Amino acid sequence: KFCNIDLPKHHQEHVVELEKIVNDCDKLQ
């Protein structure tokens, strides 16, 4: 559970992680 200030930070961590996966996928392709 996250407060309204930290929930967007937590979501941003997911966004960064997703970008890493997208980059790895692009490299593989």
PDB file of all heavy atoms in Angstrom:
ATOM      1  N   LYS A   1       0.859  -1.191   0.000  1.00  0.00           N
ATOM      2  CA  LYS A   1       0.000   0.000   0.000  1.00  0.00           C
ATOM      3  C   LYS A   1       0.892   1.237   0.000  1.00  0.00           C
ATOM      4  O   LYS A   1       1.937   1.272   0.654  1.00  0.00           O
ATOM      5  CB  LYS A   1      -0.907  -0.008   1.212  1.00  0.00           C
ATOM      6  CG  LYS A   1      -1.903  -1.153   1.139  1.00  0.00           C
ATOM      7  CD  LYS A   1      -2.865  -1.093   2.289  1.00  0.00           C
ATOM      8  CE  LYS A   1      -3.902  -2.066   2.176  1.00  0.00           C
ATOM      9  NZ  LYS A   1      -4.401  -3.080   2.327  1.00  0.00           N
ATOM     10  N   PHE A   2       0.443   2.264  -0.788  1.00  0.00           N
ATOM     11  CA  PHE A   2       1.241   3.471  -0.967  1.00  0.00           C
ATOM     12  C   PHE A   2       0.374   4.706  -0.751  1.00  0.00           C
ATOM     13  O   PHE A   2      -0.820   4.711  -1.084  1.00  0.00           O
ATOM     14  CB  PHE A   2       1.822   3.512  -2.386  1.00  0.00           C
ATOM     15  CG  PHE A   2       2.677   2.316  -2.701  1.00  0.00           C
ATOM     16  CD1 PHE A   2       2.122   1.175  -3.280  1.00  0.00           C
ATOM     17  CD2 PHE A   2       4.023   2.319  -2.401  1.00  0.00           C
ATOM     18  CE1 PHE A   2       2.901   0.070  -3.553  1.00  0.00           C
ATOM     19  CE2 PHE A   2       4.805   1.214  -2.684  1.00  0.00           C
ATOM     20  CZ  PHE A   2       4.245   0.082  -3.264  1.00  0.00           C
ATOM     21  N   CYS A   3       1.030   5.766  -0.276  1.00  0.00           N
ATOM     22  CA  CYS A   3       0.308   7.035  -0.130  1.00  0.00           C
ATOM     23  C   CYS A   3       0.189   7.694  -1.498  1.00  0.00           C
ATOM     24  O   CYS A   3       0.832   7.268  -2.462  1.00  0.00           O
ATOM     25  CB  CYS A   3       1.037   7.952   0.872  1.00  0.00           C
ATOM     26  SG  CYS A   3       2.644   8.538   0.312  1.00  0.00           S
ATOM     27  N   ASN A   4      -0.627   8.772  -1.582  1.00  0.00           N
ATOM     28  CA  ASN A   4      -0.867   9.405  -2.885  1.00  0.00           C
ATOM     29  C   ASN A   4       0.395  10.059  -3.451  1.00  0.00           C
ATOM     30  O   ASN A   4       0.481  10.327  -4.632  1.00  0.00           O
ATOM     31  CB  ASN A   4      -2.036  10.390  -2.803  1.00  0.00           C
ATOM     32  CG  ASN A   4      -1.782  11.518  -1.824  1.00  0.00           C
ATOM     33  OD1 ASN A   4      -0.836  11.473  -1.044  1.00  0.00           O
ATOM     34  ND2 ASN A   4      -2.643  12.519  -1.847  1.00  0.00           N
ATOM     35  N   ILE A   5       1.399  10.315  -2.635  1.00  0.00           N
ATOM     36  CA  ILE A   5       2.659  10.875  -3.122  1.00  0.00           C
ATOM     37  C   ILE A   5       3.573   9.760  -3.652  1.00  0.00           C
ATOM     38  O   ILE A   5       4.220   9.906  -4.683  1.00  0.00           O
ATOM     39  CB  ILE A   5       3.380  11.657  -1.991  1.00  0.00           C
ATOM     40  CG1 ILE A   5       2.538  12.875  -1.617  1.00  0.00           C
ATOM     41  CG2 ILE A   5       4.787  12.066  -2.412  1.00  0.00           C
ATOM     42  CD1 ILE A   5       3.025  13.579  -0.371  1.00  0.00           C
ATOM     43  N   ASP A   6       3.615   8.649  -2.985  1.00  0.00           N
ATOM     44  CA  ASP A   6       4.538   7.565  -3.355  1.00  0.00           C
ATOM     45  C   ASP A   6       3.982   6.602  -4.412  1.00  0.00           C
ATOM     46  O   ASP A   6       4.760   5.908  -5.070  1.00  0.00           O
ATOM     47  CB  ASP A   6       4.951   6.783  -2.111  1.00  0.00           C
ATOM     48  CG  ASP A   6       5.849   7.609  -1.195  1.00  0.00           C
ATOM     49  OD1 ASP A   6       6.592   8.462  -1.738  1.00  0.00           O
ATOM     50  OD2 ASP A   6       5.821   7.395   0.029  1.00  0.00           O
ATOM     51  N   LEU A   7       2.664   6.547  -4.561  1.00  0.00           N
ATOM     52  CA  LEU A   7       2.093   5.657  -5.581  1.00  0.00           C
ATOM     53  C   LEU A   7       2.590   6.015  -6.980  1.00  0.00           C
ATOM     54  O   LEU A   7       2.996   5.116  -7.723  1.00  0.00           O
ATOM     55  CB  LEU A   7       0.554   5.667  -5.520  1.00  0.00           C
ATOM     56  CG  LEU A   7      -0.138   4.690  -6.484  1.00  0.00           C
ATOM     57  CD1 LEU A   7       0.275   3.246  -6.176  1.00  0.00           C
ATOM     58  CD2 LEU A   7      -1.643   4.848  -6.410  1.00  0.00           C
ATOM     59  N   PRO A   8       2.625   7.297  -7.377  1.00  0.00           N
ATOM     60  CA  PRO A   8       3.180   7.620  -8.701  1.00  0.00           C
ATOM     61  C   PRO A   8       4.664   7.247  -8.817  1.00  0.00           C
ATOM     62  O   PRO A   8       5.122   6.828  -9.894  1.00  0.00           O
ATOM     63  CB  PRO A   8       2.994   9.128  -8.829  1.00  0.00           C
ATOM     64  CG  PRO A   8       1.908   9.477  -7.876  1.00  0.00           C
ATOM     65  CD  PRO A   8       2.017   8.484  -6.762  1.00  0.00           C
ATOM     66  N   LYS A   9       5.429   7.379  -7.731  1.00  0.00           N
ATOM     67  CA  LYS A   9       6.840   6.974  -7.752  1.00  0.00           C
ATOM     68  C   LYS A   9       6.946   5.465  -8.002  1.00  0.00           C
ATOM     69  O   LYS A   9       7.792   5.005  -8.769  1.00  0.00           O
ATOM     70  CB  LYS A   9       7.520   7.328  -6.424  1.00  0.00           C
ATOM     71  CG  LYS A   9       7.702   8.798  -6.184  1.00  0.00           C
ATOM     72  CD  LYS A   9       8.331   9.024  -4.818  1.00  0.00           C
ATOM     73  CE  LYS A   9       8.348  10.490  -4.441  1.00  0.00           C
ATOM     74  NZ  LYS A   9       8.858  10.680  -3.075  1.00  0.00           N
ATOM     75  N   HIS A  10       6.103   4.727  -7.298  1.00  0.00           N
ATOM     76  CA  HIS A  10       6.084   3.271  -7.468  1.00  0.00           C
ATOM     77  C   HIS A  10       5.730   2.915  -8.923  1.00  0.00           C
ATOM     78  O   HIS A  10       6.366   2.051  -9.528  1.00  0.00           O
ATOM     79  CB  HIS A  10       5.076   2.652  -6.481  1.00  0.00           C
ATOM     80  CG  HIS A  10       5.035   1.155  -6.519  1.00  0.00           C
ATOM     81  ND1 HIS A  10       6.112   0.369  -6.194  1.00  0.00           N
ATOM     82  CD2 HIS A  10       4.003   0.303  -6.828  1.00  0.00           C
ATOM     83  CE1 HIS A  10       5.767  -0.903  -6.312  1.00  0.00           C
ATOM     84  NE2 HIS A  10       4.482  -0.965  -6.691  1.00  0.00           N
ATOM     85  N   HIS A  11       4.733   3.615  -9.467  1.00  0.00           N
ATOM     86  CA  HIS A  11       4.342   3.384 -10.853  1.00  0.00           C
ATOM     87  C   HIS A  11       5.488   3.757 -11.799  1.00  0.00           C
ATOM     88  O   HIS A  11       5.742   3.054 -12.795  1.00  0.00           O
ATOM     89  CB  HIS A  11       3.071   4.177 -11.194  1.00  0.00           C
ATOM     90  CG  HIS A  11       2.639   4.001 -12.611  1.00  0.00           C
ATOM     91  ND1 HIS A  11       2.127   2.826 -13.085  1.00  0.00           N
ATOM     92  CD2 HIS A  11       2.662   4.864 -13.668  1.00  0.00           C
ATOM     93  CE1 HIS A  11       1.858   2.956 -14.364  1.00  0.00           C
ATOM     94  NE2 HIS A  11       2.172   4.189 -14.747  1.00  0.00           N
ATOM     95  N   GLN A  12       6.212   4.819 -11.505  1.00  0.00           N
ATOM     96  CA  GLN A  12       7.336   5.245 -12.344  1.00  0.00           C
ATOM     97  C   GLN A  12       8.432   4.173 -12.370  1.00  0.00           C
ATOM     98  O   GLN A  12       9.066   3.952 -13.404  1.00  0.00           O
ATOM     99  CB  GLN A  12       7.899   6.590 -11.856  1.00  0.00           C
ATOM    100  CG  GLN A  12       8.949   7.185 -12.770  1.00  0.00           C
ATOM    101  CD  GLN A  12       8.435   7.428 -14.197  1.00  0.00           C
ATOM    102  OE1 GLN A  12       7.277   7.761 -14.417  1.00  0.00           O
ATOM    103  NE2 GLN A  12       9.316   7.239 -15.165  1.00  0.00           N
ATOM    104  N   GLU A  13       8.632   3.497 -11.250  1.00  0.00           N
ATOM    105  CA  GLU A  13       9.591   2.381 -11.225  1.00  0.00           C
ATOM    106  C   GLU A  13       9.161   1.299 -12.220  1.00  0.00           C
ATOM    107  O   GLU A  13       9.994   0.718 -12.911  1.00  0.00           O
ATOM    108  CB  GLU A  13       9.678   1.794  -9.819  1.00  0.00           C
ATOM    109  CG  GLU A  13      10.370   2.682  -8.818  1.00  0.00           C
ATOM    110  CD  GLU A  13      10.289   2.134  -7.396  1.00  0.00           C
ATOM    111  OE1 GLU A  13       9.618   1.092  -7.168  1.00  0.00           O
ATOM    112  OE2 GLU A  13      10.894   2.753  -6.507  1.00  0.00           O
ATOM    113  N   HIS A  14       7.861   1.045 -12.296  1.00  0.00           N
ATOM    114  CA  HIS A  14       7.338   0.067 -13.253  1.00  0.00           C
ATOM    115  C   HIS A  14       7.581   0.533 -14.683  1.00  0.00           C
ATOM    116  O   HIS A  14       7.939  -0.270 -15.560  1.00  0.00           O
ATOM    117  CB  HIS A  14       5.839  -0.175 -13.034  1.00  0.00           C
ATOM    118  CG  HIS A  14       5.516  -0.804 -11.726  1.00  0.00           C
ATOM    119  ND1 HIS A  14       4.325  -0.586 -11.088  1.00  0.00           N
ATOM    120  CD2 HIS A  14       6.215  -1.636 -10.905  1.00  0.00           C
ATOM    121  CE1 HIS A  14       4.297  -1.256  -9.953  1.00  0.00           C
ATOM    122  NE2 HIS A  14       5.438  -1.895  -9.814  1.00  0.00           N
ATOM    123  N   VAL A  15       7.370   1.842 -14.916  1.00  0.00           N
ATOM    124  CA  VAL A  15       7.580   2.398 -16.252  1.00  0.00           C
ATOM    125  C   VAL A  15       9.038   2.216 -16.673  1.00  0.00           C
ATOM    126  O   VAL A  15       9.339   1.801 -17.802  1.00  0.00           O
ATOM    127  CB  VAL A  15       7.160   3.887 -16.308  1.00  0.00           C
ATOM    128  CG1 VAL A  15       7.615   4.551 -17.595  1.00  0.00           C
ATOM    129  CG2 VAL A  15       5.649   4.021 -16.143  1.00  0.00           C
ATOM    130  N   VAL A  16       9.975   2.502 -15.765  1.00  0.00           N
ATOM    131  CA  VAL A  16      11.412   2.352 -16.048  1.00  0.00           C
ATOM    132  C   VAL A  16      11.739   0.885 -16.338  1.00  0.00           C
ATOM    133  O   VAL A  16      12.469   0.571 -17.287  1.00  0.00           O
ATOM    134  CB  VAL A  16      12.249   2.894 -14.868  1.00  0.00           C
ATOM    135  CG1 VAL A  16      13.710   2.514 -14.992  1.00  0.00           C
ATOM    136  CG2 VAL A  16      12.106   4.411 -14.757  1.00  0.00           C
ATOM    137  N   GLU A  17      11.205  -0.002 -15.542  1.00  0.00           N
ATOM    138  CA  GLU A  17      11.451  -1.438 -15.737  1.00  0.00           C
ATOM    139  C   GLU A  17      10.883  -1.920 -17.075  1.00  0.00           C
ATOM    140  O   GLU A  17      11.513  -2.710 -17.785  1.00  0.00           O
ATOM    141  CB  GLU A  17      10.861  -2.228 -14.567  1.00  0.00           C
ATOM    142  CG  GLU A  17      11.348  -3.644 -14.452  1.00  0.00           C
ATOM    143  CD  GLU A  17      12.856  -3.766 -14.267  1.00  0.00           C
ATOM    144  OE1 GLU A  17      13.469  -2.914 -13.594  1.00  0.00           O
ATOM    145  OE2 GLU A  17      13.429  -4.733 -14.825  1.00  0.00           O
ATOM    146  N   LEU A  18       9.689  -1.426 -17.414  1.00  0.00           N
ATOM    147  CA  LEU A  18       9.083  -1.786 -18.695  1.00  0.00           C
ATOM    148  C   LEU A  18       9.948  -1.286 -19.852  1.00  0.00           C
ATOM    149  O   LEU A  18      10.144  -2.005 -20.844  1.00  0.00           O
ATOM    150  CB  LEU A  18       7.655  -1.219 -18.807  1.00  0.00           C
ATOM    151  CG  LEU A  18       6.911  -1.558 -20.101  1.00  0.00           C
ATOM    152  CD1 LEU A  18       6.692  -3.067 -20.231  1.00  0.00           C
ATOM    153  CD2 LEU A  18       5.589  -0.821 -20.154  1.00  0.00           C
ATOM    154  N   GLU A  19      10.504  -0.098 -19.741  1.00  0.00           N
ATOM    155  CA  GLU A  19      11.382   0.440 -20.784  1.00  0.00           C
ATOM    156  C   GLU A  19      12.630  -0.421 -20.956  1.00  0.00           C
ATOM    157  O   GLU A  19      13.103  -0.626 -22.072  1.00  0.00           O
ATOM    158  CB  GLU A  19      11.777   1.890 -20.463  1.00  0.00           C
ATOM    159  CG  GLU A  19      10.758   2.912 -20.883  1.00  0.00           C
ATOM    160  CD  GLU A  19      10.363   2.806 -22.354  1.00  0.00           C
ATOM    161  OE1 GLU A  19      11.260   2.798 -23.239  1.00  0.00           O
ATOM    162  OE2 GLU A  19       9.156   2.711 -22.628  1.00  0.00           O
ATOM    163  N   LYS A  20      13.174  -0.927 -19.840  1.00  0.00           N
ATOM    164  CA  LYS A  20      14.327  -1.831 -19.926  1.00  0.00           C
ATOM    165  C   LYS A  20      13.962  -3.086 -20.722  1.00  0.00           C
ATOM    166  O   LYS A  20      14.735  -3.551 -21.558  1.00  0.00           O
ATOM    167  CB  LYS A  20      14.807  -2.228 -18.530  1.00  0.00           C
ATOM    168  CG  LYS A  20      15.542  -1.146 -17.793  1.00  0.00           C
ATOM    169  CD  LYS A  20      15.983  -1.653 -16.415  1.00  0.00           C
ATOM    170  CE  LYS A  20      16.641  -0.561 -15.602  1.00  0.00           C
ATOM    171  NZ  LYS A  20      17.003  -1.029 -14.252  1.00  0.00           N
ATOM    172  N   ILE A  21      12.783  -3.624 -20.447  1.00  0.00           N
ATOM    173  CA  ILE A  21      12.322  -4.828 -21.170  1.00  0.00           C
ATOM    174  C   ILE A  21      12.137  -4.511 -22.654  1.00  0.00           C
ATOM    175  O   ILE A  21      12.556  -5.283 -23.523  1.00  0.00           O
ATOM    176  CB  ILE A  21      11.022  -5.377 -20.540  1.00  0.00           C
ATOM    177  CG1 ILE A  21      11.307  -5.899 -19.132  1.00  0.00           C
ATOM    178  CG2 ILE A  21      10.404  -6.465 -21.415  1.00  0.00           C
ATOM    179  CD1 ILE A  21      10.067  -6.257 -18.331  1.00  0.00           C
ATOM    180  N   VAL A  22      11.532  -3.356 -22.952  1.00  0.00           N
ATOM    181  CA  VAL A  22      11.341  -2.951 -24.359  1.00  0.00           C
ATOM    182  C   VAL A  22      12.700  -2.809 -25.045  1.00  0.00           C
ATOM    183  O   VAL A  22      12.884  -3.267 -26.183  1.00  0.00           O
ATOM    184  CB  VAL A  22      10.523  -1.640 -24.446  1.00  0.00           C
ATOM    185  CG1 VAL A  22      10.567  -1.054 -25.845  1.00  0.00           C
ATOM    186  CG2 VAL A  22       9.077  -1.881 -24.022  1.00  0.00           C
ATOM    187  N   ASN A  23      13.675  -2.175 -24.374  1.00  0.00           N
ATOM    188  CA  ASN A  23      15.010  -2.017 -24.950  1.00  0.00           C
ATOM    189  C   ASN A  23      15.684  -3.363 -25.203  1.00  0.00           C
ATOM    190  O   ASN A  23      16.300  -3.570 -26.250  1.00  0.00           O
ATOM    191  CB  ASN A  23      15.895  -1.150 -24.047  1.00  0.00           C
ATOM    192  CG  ASN A  23      15.527   0.315 -24.111  1.00  0.00           C
ATOM    193  OD1 ASN A  23      14.931   0.775 -25.088  1.00  0.00           O
ATOM    194  ND2 ASN A  23      15.872   1.053 -23.069  1.00  0.00           N
ATOM    195  N   ASP A  24      15.577  -4.274 -24.247  1.00  0.00           N
ATOM    196  CA  ASP A  24      16.149  -5.615 -24.431  1.00  0.00           C
ATOM    197  C   ASP A  24      15.483  -6.328 -25.597  1.00  0.00           C
ATOM    198  O   ASP A  24      16.138  -7.019 -26.382  1.00  0.00           O
ATOM    199  CB  ASP A  24      16.005  -6.441 -23.150  1.00  0.00           C
ATOM    200  CG  ASP A  24      16.958  -5.989 -22.052  1.00  0.00           C
ATOM    201  OD1 ASP A  24      17.883  -5.202 -22.349  1.00  0.00           O
ATOM    202  OD2 ASP A  24      16.776  -6.428 -20.895  1.00  0.00           O
ATOM    203  N   CYS A  25      14.185  -6.157 -25.722  1.00  0.00           N
ATOM    204  CA  CYS A  25      13.441  -6.764 -26.836  1.00  0.00           C
ATOM    205  C   CYS A  25      13.924  -6.184 -28.164  1.00  0.00           C
ATOM    206  O   CYS A  25      14.140  -6.915 -29.137  1.00  0.00           O
ATOM    207  CB  CYS A  25      11.945  -6.519 -26.636  1.00  0.00           C
ATOM    208  SG  CYS A  25      10.903  -7.310 -27.868  1.00  0.00           S
ATOM    209  N   ASP A  26      14.108  -4.859 -28.208  1.00  0.00           N
ATOM    210  CA  ASP A  26      14.604  -4.214 -29.433  1.00  0.00           C
ATOM    211  C   ASP A  26      15.992  -4.713 -29.806  1.00  0.00           C
ATOM    212  O   ASP A  26      16.290  -4.951 -30.981  1.00  0.00           O
ATOM    213  CB  ASP A  26      14.633  -2.686 -29.264  1.00  0.00           C
ATOM    214  CG  ASP A  26      13.235  -2.071 -29.235  1.00  0.00           C
ATOM    215  OD1 ASP A  26      12.274  -2.766 -29.631  1.00  0.00           O
ATOM    216  OD2 ASP A  26      13.119  -0.900 -28.808  1.00  0.00           O
ATOM    217  N   LYS A  27      16.866  -4.885 -28.794  1.00  0.00           N
ATOM    218  CA  LYS A  27      18.215  -5.399 -29.053  1.00  0.00           C
ATOM    219  C   LYS A  27      18.168  -6.812 -29.618  1.00  0.00           C
ATOM    220  O   LYS A  27      18.903  -7.143 -30.549  1.00  0.00           O
ATOM    221  CB  LYS A  27      19.038  -5.382 -27.765  1.00  0.00           C
ATOM    222  CG  LYS A  27      19.491  -4.011 -27.351  1.00  0.00           C
ATOM    223  CD  LYS A  27      20.266  -4.074 -26.040  1.00  0.00           C
ATOM    224  CE  LYS A  27      20.607  -2.687 -25.524  1.00  0.00           C
ATOM    225  NZ  LYS A  27      21.287  -2.746 -24.217  1.00  0.00           N
ATOM    226  N   LEU A  28      17.297  -7.632 -29.055  1.00  0.00           N
ATOM    227  CA  LEU A  28      17.152  -9.003 -29.549  1.00  0.00           C
ATOM    228  C   LEU A  28      16.652  -8.996 -30.990  1.00  0.00           C
ATOM    229  O   LEU A  28      17.164  -9.728 -31.843  1.00  0.00           O
ATOM    230  CB  LEU A  28      16.209  -9.801 -28.647  1.00  0.00           C
ATOM    231  CG  LEU A  28      15.932 -11.240 -29.088  1.00  0.00           C
ATOM    232  CD1 LEU A  28      17.217 -12.053 -29.149  1.00  0.00           C
ATOM    233  CD2 LEU A  28      14.925 -11.883 -28.149  1.00  0.00           C
ATOM    234  N   GLN A  29      15.670  -8.158 -31.267  1.00  0.00           N
ATOM    235  CA  GLN A  29      15.136  -8.077 -32.626  1.00  0.00           C
ATOM    236  C   GLN A  29      16.218  -7.604 -33.602  1.00  0.00           C
ATOM    237  O   GLN A  29      16.335  -8.131 -34.703  1.00  0.00           O
ATOM    238  CB  GLN A  29      13.933  -7.132 -32.657  1.00  0.00           C
ATOM    239  CG  GLN A  29      13.199  -7.147 -33.980  1.00  0.00           C
ATOM    240  CD  GLN A  29      11.923  -6.330 -33.920  1.00  0.00           C
ATOM    241  OE1 GLN A  29      11.809  -5.407 -33.125  1.00  0.00           O
ATOM    242  NE2 GLN A  29      10.972  -6.670 -34.764  1.00  0.00           N
TER     243      GLN A  29
END
